[in-house]
Amino acid sequence: MTVLVRAQCRTCDRMEDVVRQVCADLGVGWERVDIDDADAELRGEYGDVIPVTLVDGEEHASWSVDPRALRTALAA
């Protein structure tokens, strides 16, 4: 589970809060990646749609994440 964010982004902070809570509840690890520090390929693909959640390397949600949908995706 990965969250792609940008510094000083309130929308990113809100998404990260949801991810933090869901992952803690499920005992799932996750990582936070600042898109501006990521490699050029990742910046090119997701730089304009931050924040983004990736589950198993695939885009799960952008801009906002539904906690129930994230739980379902992580449980699969």
N, C-alpha and C. Protein backbone atom coordinates (compact mmCIF):
# COMPACT_ATOMS: atom_id res chain seq x y z
N MET A 1 0.85 -1.17 0.00
CA MET A 1 0.00 0.00 0.00
C MET A 1 0.89 1.23 0.00
N THR A 2 0.64 2.10 -0.95
CA THR A 2 1.44 3.31 -1.09
C THR A 2 0.51 4.50 -1.25
N VAL A 3 0.89 5.61 -0.63
CA VAL A 3 0.17 6.86 -0.80
C VAL A 3 1.14 7.85 -1.45
N LEU A 4 0.76 8.36 -2.59
CA LEU A 4 1.56 9.37 -3.28
C LEU A 4 1.01 10.73 -2.89
N VAL A 5 1.86 11.58 -2.36
CA VAL A 5 1.43 12.88 -1.83
C VAL A 5 2.39 13.97 -2.30
N ARG A 6 2.03 15.18 -1.93
CA ARG A 6 2.88 16.34 -2.17
C ARG A 6 2.91 17.14 -0.87
N ALA A 7 4.05 17.71 -0.55
CA ALA A 7 4.19 18.50 0.67
C ALA A 7 3.21 19.67 0.68
N GLN A 8 2.72 20.00 1.86
CA GLN A 8 1.81 21.11 2.08
C GLN A 8 0.55 21.02 1.24
N CYS A 9 -0.01 19.82 1.19
CA CYS A 9 -1.23 19.55 0.42
C CYS A 9 -2.28 19.05 1.41
N ARG A 10 -3.30 19.85 1.66
CA ARG A 10 -4.32 19.47 2.63
C ARG A 10 -5.10 18.24 2.18
N THR A 11 -5.36 18.15 0.89
CA THR A 11 -6.07 16.97 0.37
C THR A 11 -5.22 15.72 0.61
N CYS A 12 -3.93 15.84 0.42
CA CYS A 12 -3.01 14.73 0.67
C CYS A 12 -3.05 14.33 2.14
N ASP A 13 -3.06 15.32 3.01
CA ASP A 13 -3.11 15.05 4.46
C ASP A 13 -4.36 14.28 4.83
N ARG A 14 -5.50 14.67 4.25
CA ARG A 14 -6.77 13.98 4.55
C ARG A 14 -6.73 12.54 4.06
N MET A 15 -6.20 12.32 2.84
CA MET A 15 -6.12 10.96 2.32
C MET A 15 -5.17 10.13 3.18
N GLU A 16 -4.06 10.71 3.55
CA GLU A 16 -3.09 9.99 4.36
C GLU A 16 -3.69 9.60 5.72
N ASP A 17 -4.52 10.47 6.29
CA ASP A 17 -5.18 10.14 7.56
C ASP A 17 -6.08 8.92 7.42
N VAL A 18 -6.84 8.85 6.32
CA VAL A 18 -7.72 7.69 6.08
C VAL A 18 -6.88 6.43 5.92
N VAL A 19 -5.83 6.51 5.12
CA VAL A 19 -4.96 5.35 4.89
C VAL A 19 -4.32 4.89 6.19
N ARG A 20 -3.84 5.84 6.97
CA ARG A 20 -3.19 5.50 8.25
C ARG A 20 -4.16 4.72 9.14
N GLN A 21 -5.40 5.19 9.26
CA GLN A 21 -6.38 4.54 10.12
C GLN A 21 -6.77 3.16 9.61
N VAL A 22 -7.08 3.06 8.32
CA VAL A 22 -7.49 1.78 7.75
C VAL A 22 -6.36 0.76 7.86
N CYS A 23 -5.16 1.16 7.52
CA CYS A 23 -4.03 0.23 7.59
C CYS A 23 -3.75 -0.19 9.03
N ALA A 24 -3.88 0.73 9.97
CA ALA A 24 -3.67 0.38 11.38
C ALA A 24 -4.73 -0.62 11.83
N ASP A 25 -5.97 -0.40 11.44
CA ASP A 25 -7.05 -1.32 11.81
C ASP A 25 -6.84 -2.72 11.25
N LEU A 26 -6.28 -2.79 10.04
CA LEU A 26 -6.09 -4.08 9.37
C LEU A 26 -4.71 -4.68 9.60
N GLY A 27 -3.82 -3.93 10.22
CA GLY A 27 -2.46 -4.41 10.41
C GLY A 27 -1.67 -4.51 9.12
N VAL A 28 -1.95 -3.59 8.21
CA VAL A 28 -1.31 -3.58 6.89
C VAL A 28 -0.27 -2.46 6.87
N GLY A 29 0.90 -2.76 6.35
CA GLY A 29 1.93 -1.74 6.20
C GLY A 29 1.65 -0.84 5.02
N TRP A 30 2.17 0.37 5.07
CA TRP A 30 2.01 1.30 3.97
C TRP A 30 3.19 2.25 3.95
N GLU A 31 3.35 2.91 2.82
CA GLU A 31 4.43 3.89 2.71
C GLU A 31 3.90 5.17 2.10
N ARG A 32 4.52 6.27 2.49
CA ARG A 32 4.19 7.60 1.98
C ARG A 32 5.31 8.00 1.03
N VAL A 33 4.96 8.39 -0.18
CA VAL A 33 5.95 8.82 -1.16
C VAL A 33 5.60 10.23 -1.62
N ASP A 34 6.52 11.16 -1.42
CA ASP A 34 6.33 12.52 -1.93
C ASP A 34 6.63 12.48 -3.42
N ILE A 35 5.65 12.79 -4.22
CA ILE A 35 5.77 12.68 -5.68
C ILE A 35 6.90 13.55 -6.22
N ASP A 36 7.18 14.66 -5.55
CA ASP A 36 8.25 15.54 -6.02
C ASP A 36 9.64 14.96 -5.78
N ASP A 37 9.73 13.93 -4.92
CA ASP A 37 10.99 13.25 -4.67
C ASP A 37 11.07 11.90 -5.39
N ALA A 38 10.01 11.54 -6.10
CA ALA A 38 9.93 10.23 -6.76
C ALA A 38 10.65 10.27 -8.11
N ASP A 39 10.81 9.09 -8.69
CA ASP A 39 11.47 9.03 -9.99
C ASP A 39 10.59 9.67 -11.08
N ALA A 40 11.22 10.00 -12.19
CA ALA A 40 10.54 10.73 -13.27
C ALA A 40 9.33 9.98 -13.82
N GLU A 41 9.39 8.66 -13.87
CA GLU A 41 8.27 7.88 -14.39
C GLU A 41 7.04 8.03 -13.50
N LEU A 42 7.23 7.92 -12.21
CA LEU A 42 6.13 8.07 -11.26
C LEU A 42 5.57 9.49 -11.30
N ARG A 43 6.45 10.49 -11.34
CA ARG A 43 6.00 11.89 -11.44
C ARG A 43 5.21 12.12 -12.71
N GLY A 44 5.67 11.55 -13.81
CA GLY A 44 4.97 11.72 -15.08
C GLY A 44 3.59 11.09 -15.09
N GLU A 45 3.47 9.94 -14.45
CA GLU A 45 2.18 9.23 -14.45
C GLU A 45 1.18 9.82 -13.46
N TYR A 46 1.64 10.24 -12.28
CA TYR A 46 0.72 10.64 -11.21
C TYR A 46 0.86 12.09 -10.75
N GLY A 47 1.82 12.82 -11.26
CA GLY A 47 2.10 14.17 -10.77
C GLY A 47 0.93 15.13 -10.80
N ASP A 48 0.00 14.95 -11.74
CA ASP A 48 -1.13 15.86 -11.89
C ASP A 48 -2.38 15.41 -11.15
N VAL A 49 -2.34 14.24 -10.52
CA VAL A 49 -3.56 13.72 -9.88
C VAL A 49 -3.35 13.40 -8.40
N ILE A 50 -2.35 14.00 -7.81
CA ILE A 50 -2.01 13.76 -6.41
C ILE A 50 -3.10 14.32 -5.52
N PRO A 51 -3.47 13.65 -4.46
CA PRO A 51 -2.94 12.42 -3.91
C PRO A 51 -3.52 11.18 -4.59
N VAL A 52 -2.77 10.10 -4.52
CA VAL A 52 -3.16 8.83 -5.13
C VAL A 52 -2.83 7.70 -4.15
N THR A 53 -3.71 6.72 -4.09
CA THR A 53 -3.39 5.50 -3.34
C THR A 53 -3.15 4.39 -4.34
N LEU A 54 -2.12 3.59 -4.07
CA LEU A 54 -1.79 2.43 -4.88
C LEU A 54 -1.91 1.19 -4.01
N VAL A 55 -2.63 0.21 -4.49
CA VAL A 55 -2.75 -1.07 -3.80
C VAL A 55 -2.13 -2.11 -4.73
N ASP A 56 -1.12 -2.79 -4.24
CA ASP A 56 -0.37 -3.77 -5.04
C ASP A 56 0.13 -3.15 -6.34
N GLY A 57 0.56 -1.88 -6.26
CA GLY A 57 1.13 -1.20 -7.40
C GLY A 57 0.13 -0.65 -8.40
N GLU A 58 -1.15 -0.87 -8.17
CA GLU A 58 -2.20 -0.41 -9.08
C GLU A 58 -2.94 0.76 -8.44
N GLU A 59 -3.32 1.75 -9.26
CA GLU A 59 -4.07 2.89 -8.73
C GLU A 59 -5.40 2.44 -8.15
N HIS A 60 -5.62 2.81 -6.91
CA HIS A 60 -6.88 2.49 -6.24
C HIS A 60 -7.80 3.71 -6.23
N ALA A 61 -7.26 4.87 -5.86
CA ALA A 61 -8.06 6.08 -5.78
C ALA A 61 -7.18 7.31 -5.95
N SER A 62 -7.79 8.38 -6.43
CA SER A 62 -7.08 9.66 -6.48
C SER A 62 -8.01 10.74 -5.95
N TRP A 63 -7.42 11.77 -5.40
CA TRP A 63 -8.10 12.92 -4.80
C TRP A 63 -8.73 12.60 -3.45
N SER A 64 -9.45 11.47 -3.34
CA SER A 64 -10.01 11.06 -2.05
C SER A 64 -10.13 9.54 -2.06
N VAL A 65 -10.23 8.98 -0.86
CA VAL A 65 -10.33 7.52 -0.76
C VAL A 65 -11.45 7.18 0.20
N ASP A 66 -12.29 6.25 -0.21
CA ASP A 66 -13.37 5.77 0.63
C ASP A 66 -12.82 4.69 1.55
N PRO A 67 -12.96 4.85 2.86
CA PRO A 67 -12.40 3.86 3.79
C PRO A 67 -12.90 2.44 3.55
N ARG A 68 -14.19 2.29 3.27
CA ARG A 68 -14.73 0.94 3.04
C ARG A 68 -14.14 0.31 1.78
N ALA A 69 -14.03 1.10 0.72
CA ALA A 69 -13.46 0.57 -0.52
C ALA A 69 -12.00 0.20 -0.32
N LEU A 70 -11.28 0.99 0.47
CA LEU A 70 -9.87 0.69 0.72
C LEU A 70 -9.75 -0.59 1.55
N ARG A 71 -10.60 -0.76 2.55
CA ARG A 71 -10.59 -1.98 3.35
C ARG A 71 -10.82 -3.20 2.45
N THR A 72 -11.78 -3.10 1.57
CA THR A 72 -12.10 -4.20 0.65
C THR A 72 -10.91 -4.52 -0.25
N ALA A 73 -10.28 -3.48 -0.80
CA ALA A 73 -9.14 -3.68 -1.69
C ALA A 73 -7.96 -4.31 -0.94
N LEU A 74 -7.74 -3.90 0.28
CA LEU A 74 -6.62 -4.44 1.04
C LEU A 74 -6.88 -5.86 1.53
N ALA A 75 -8.12 -6.21 1.70
CA ALA A 75 -8.47 -7.55 2.16
C ALA A 75 -8.43 -8.57 1.03
N ALA A 76 -8.48 -8.09 -0.20
CA ALA A 76 -8.52 -8.99 -1.37
C ALA A 76 -7.18 -9.66 -1.61
